[in-house]
Amino acid sequence: KGKGKGKGKGKGKGKKGREGKDGDDGEGKGDRSDRRRHFRGGEDIPFDMEQTLLDVVTLTALPKNEARTLGREIERRLLSKQATEFFQTRPPEDEERQRVQTTLNDNFWAFSKAQRMNLLESLGALGVTFDWKASKGKRGEKGERG
């Protein structure tokens, strides 16, 4: 067989001609700071109560991977500065606060365990009460879940 130009690992391979659009060098994902900046806990993510409540109910009907993603988004909204102000400025008997609390309690099972633990701790500190309690230790007898 002759030695032609195949797709092997020979000379001429590498970065040559691999630039993407806008002169991108193709090296990694670049600076991610601007993409993820607004998702850090406590930063000012808009808290649209109605949309958040709709999303919490929607969470219950989604497949596991999609539910985890939407759950993460809802978690970020509920832990944002605007949501924190919402819970801090409204008394426990406030009608809108009660709606949020009831919707969360009714659908809390649809969040991942890590999301539930984070919401339980963070919102609990703001006076939100949950019917769900974190399990202590490992799973016990058949049927008990943690």
Protein backbone atom coordinates (compact mmCIF):
# COMPACT_ATOMS: atom_id res chain seq x y z
CA LYS A 1 0.00 0.00 0.00
CA GLY A 2 1.17 3.51 -0.71
CA LYS A 3 1.47 6.21 1.88
CA GLY A 4 -1.22 8.72 1.06
CA LYS A 5 -2.68 11.49 3.12
CA GLY A 6 -4.90 9.68 5.56
CA LYS A 7 -6.59 10.76 8.74
CA GLY A 8 -3.86 9.48 11.05
CA LYS A 9 -1.81 11.31 13.64
CA GLY A 10 0.99 12.31 11.30
CA LYS A 11 2.60 15.65 10.60
CA GLY A 12 0.48 18.63 9.81
CA LYS A 13 -2.09 17.94 12.51
CA GLY A 14 -2.78 20.39 15.24
CA LYS A 15 -4.13 23.90 15.47
CA LYS A 16 -3.72 24.81 11.82
CA GLY A 17 -7.00 26.01 10.37
CA ARG A 18 -9.01 25.22 13.49
CA GLU A 19 -10.10 28.73 14.28
CA GLY A 20 -13.81 29.11 14.80
CA LYS A 21 -16.01 32.08 14.08
CA ASP A 22 -14.68 35.48 15.08
CA GLY A 23 -11.11 34.19 15.27
CA ASP A 24 -11.86 31.82 18.14
CA ASP A 25 -8.81 29.65 18.72
CA GLY A 26 -10.93 26.66 19.71
CA GLU A 27 -9.20 26.41 23.08
CA GLY A 28 -11.82 25.53 25.67
CA LYS A 29 -14.93 27.41 26.58
CA GLY A 30 -13.25 30.75 27.14
CA ASP A 31 -14.15 33.20 29.84
CA ARG A 32 -17.29 31.90 31.49
CA SER A 33 -17.60 34.66 34.06
CA ASP A 34 -20.16 36.62 32.06
CA ARG A 35 -22.33 33.55 31.34
CA ARG A 36 -22.70 32.31 34.90
CA ARG A 37 -22.40 35.61 36.73
CA HIS A 38 -26.11 36.07 37.45
CA PHE A 39 -26.61 32.53 38.77
CA ARG A 40 -24.52 32.78 41.92
CA GLY A 41 -26.58 32.58 45.09
CA GLY A 42 -27.92 35.82 46.46
CA GLU A 43 -27.42 37.83 43.30
CA ASP A 44 -30.33 39.77 41.90
CA ILE A 45 -32.25 37.31 39.74
CA PRO A 46 -35.79 38.51 39.04
CA PHE A 47 -38.38 36.81 41.25
CA ASP A 48 -41.61 36.44 39.31
CA MET A 49 -43.84 34.74 41.84
CA GLU A 50 -46.50 33.57 39.37
CA GLN A 51 -43.97 32.09 36.93
CA THR A 52 -42.06 30.44 39.76
CA LEU A 53 -45.23 28.81 41.12
CA LEU A 54 -46.16 27.58 37.63
CA ASP A 55 -42.66 26.16 37.20
CA VAL A 56 -42.84 24.37 40.57
CA VAL A 57 -46.04 22.62 39.47
CA THR A 58 -44.53 21.85 36.03
CA LEU A 59 -41.54 20.28 37.76
CA THR A 60 -43.71 17.36 38.90
CA ALA A 61 -44.46 16.23 35.33
CA LEU A 62 -40.96 16.37 33.85
CA PRO A 63 -38.47 13.55 33.28
CA LYS A 64 -35.67 13.38 35.85
CA ASN A 65 -32.98 15.28 33.90
CA GLU A 66 -35.32 18.09 32.84
CA ALA A 67 -36.74 18.29 36.37
CA ARG A 68 -33.24 18.64 37.81
CA THR A 69 -32.46 21.50 35.42
CA LEU A 70 -35.74 23.35 36.05
CA GLY A 71 -35.41 22.64 39.78
CA ARG A 72 -32.00 24.30 39.74
CA GLU A 73 -33.47 27.36 38.01
CA ILE A 74 -36.35 27.57 40.52
CA GLU A 75 -33.89 27.14 43.39
CA ARG A 76 -31.83 30.09 42.09
CA ARG A 77 -34.94 32.26 41.85
CA LEU A 78 -36.13 31.33 45.34
CA LEU A 79 -32.71 32.14 46.81
CA SER A 80 -32.24 35.43 44.92
CA LYS A 81 -32.11 38.82 46.63
CA GLN A 82 -35.59 39.70 45.35
CA ALA A 83 -37.09 36.49 46.72
CA THR A 84 -35.27 36.96 50.03
CA GLU A 85 -36.77 40.47 50.27
CA PHE A 86 -40.19 39.00 49.42
CA PHE A 87 -39.99 36.58 52.37
CA GLN A 88 -38.43 39.12 54.76
CA THR A 89 -40.97 41.87 54.11
CA ARG A 90 -44.13 39.76 54.27
CA PRO A 91 -45.52 38.35 57.50
CA PRO A 92 -46.18 34.58 57.69
CA GLU A 93 -49.94 35.15 57.35
CA ASP A 94 -49.54 37.12 54.07
CA GLU A 95 -51.70 35.56 51.33
CA GLU A 96 -49.01 35.55 48.62
CA ARG A 97 -46.39 34.17 50.98
CA GLN A 98 -48.84 31.42 51.97
CA ARG A 99 -49.39 30.55 48.28
CA VAL A 100 -45.65 30.17 47.71
CA GLN A 101 -45.26 28.08 50.86
CA THR A 102 -48.25 25.82 50.04
CA THR A 103 -47.13 25.28 46.44
CA LEU A 104 -43.62 24.41 47.58
CA ASN A 105 -44.91 21.98 50.21
CA ASP A 106 -47.31 20.28 47.79
CA ASN A 107 -44.60 19.76 45.16
CA PHE A 108 -41.41 19.63 47.23
CA TRP A 109 -40.85 15.96 46.39
CA ALA A 110 -40.17 16.89 42.73
CA PHE A 111 -36.92 18.70 43.61
CA SER A 112 -33.71 16.67 43.84
CA LYS A 113 -32.54 15.80 47.35
CA ALA A 114 -29.70 18.35 47.15
CA GLN A 115 -32.15 21.05 46.04
CA ARG A 116 -34.60 20.15 48.83
CA MET A 117 -31.83 20.30 51.44
CA ASN A 118 -30.63 23.69 50.19
CA LEU A 119 -34.17 25.15 50.03
CA LEU A 120 -35.04 23.68 53.43
CA GLU A 121 -32.02 25.31 55.05
CA SER A 122 -32.06 28.64 53.19
CA LEU A 123 -35.81 29.32 53.13
CA GLY A 124 -36.24 27.86 56.61
CA ALA A 125 -33.92 30.60 57.86
CA LEU A 126 -36.37 33.11 56.33
CA GLY A 127 -39.30 31.61 58.24
CA VAL A 128 -40.71 29.40 55.49
CA THR A 129 -42.05 26.20 57.03
CA PHE A 130 -41.97 22.85 55.26
CA ASP A 131 -43.92 19.66 55.92
CA TRP A 132 -40.93 17.70 54.59
CA LYS A 133 -38.16 16.82 57.02
CA ALA A 134 -34.64 15.81 56.06
CA SER A 135 -33.87 12.21 56.89
CA LYS A 136 -31.09 11.47 59.31
CA GLY A 137 -28.62 8.74 58.48
CA LYS A 138 -28.93 5.95 55.95
CA ARG A 139 -32.03 4.37 54.47
CA GLY A 140 -33.69 2.01 56.86
CA GLU A 141 -36.22 -0.71 56.24
CA LYS A 142 -37.75 -1.28 52.85
CA GLY A 143 -40.06 1.56 51.98
CA GLU A 144 -38.31 4.19 54.05
CA ARG A 145 -36.54 6.73 51.91
CA GLY A 146 -34.06 9.44 52.72
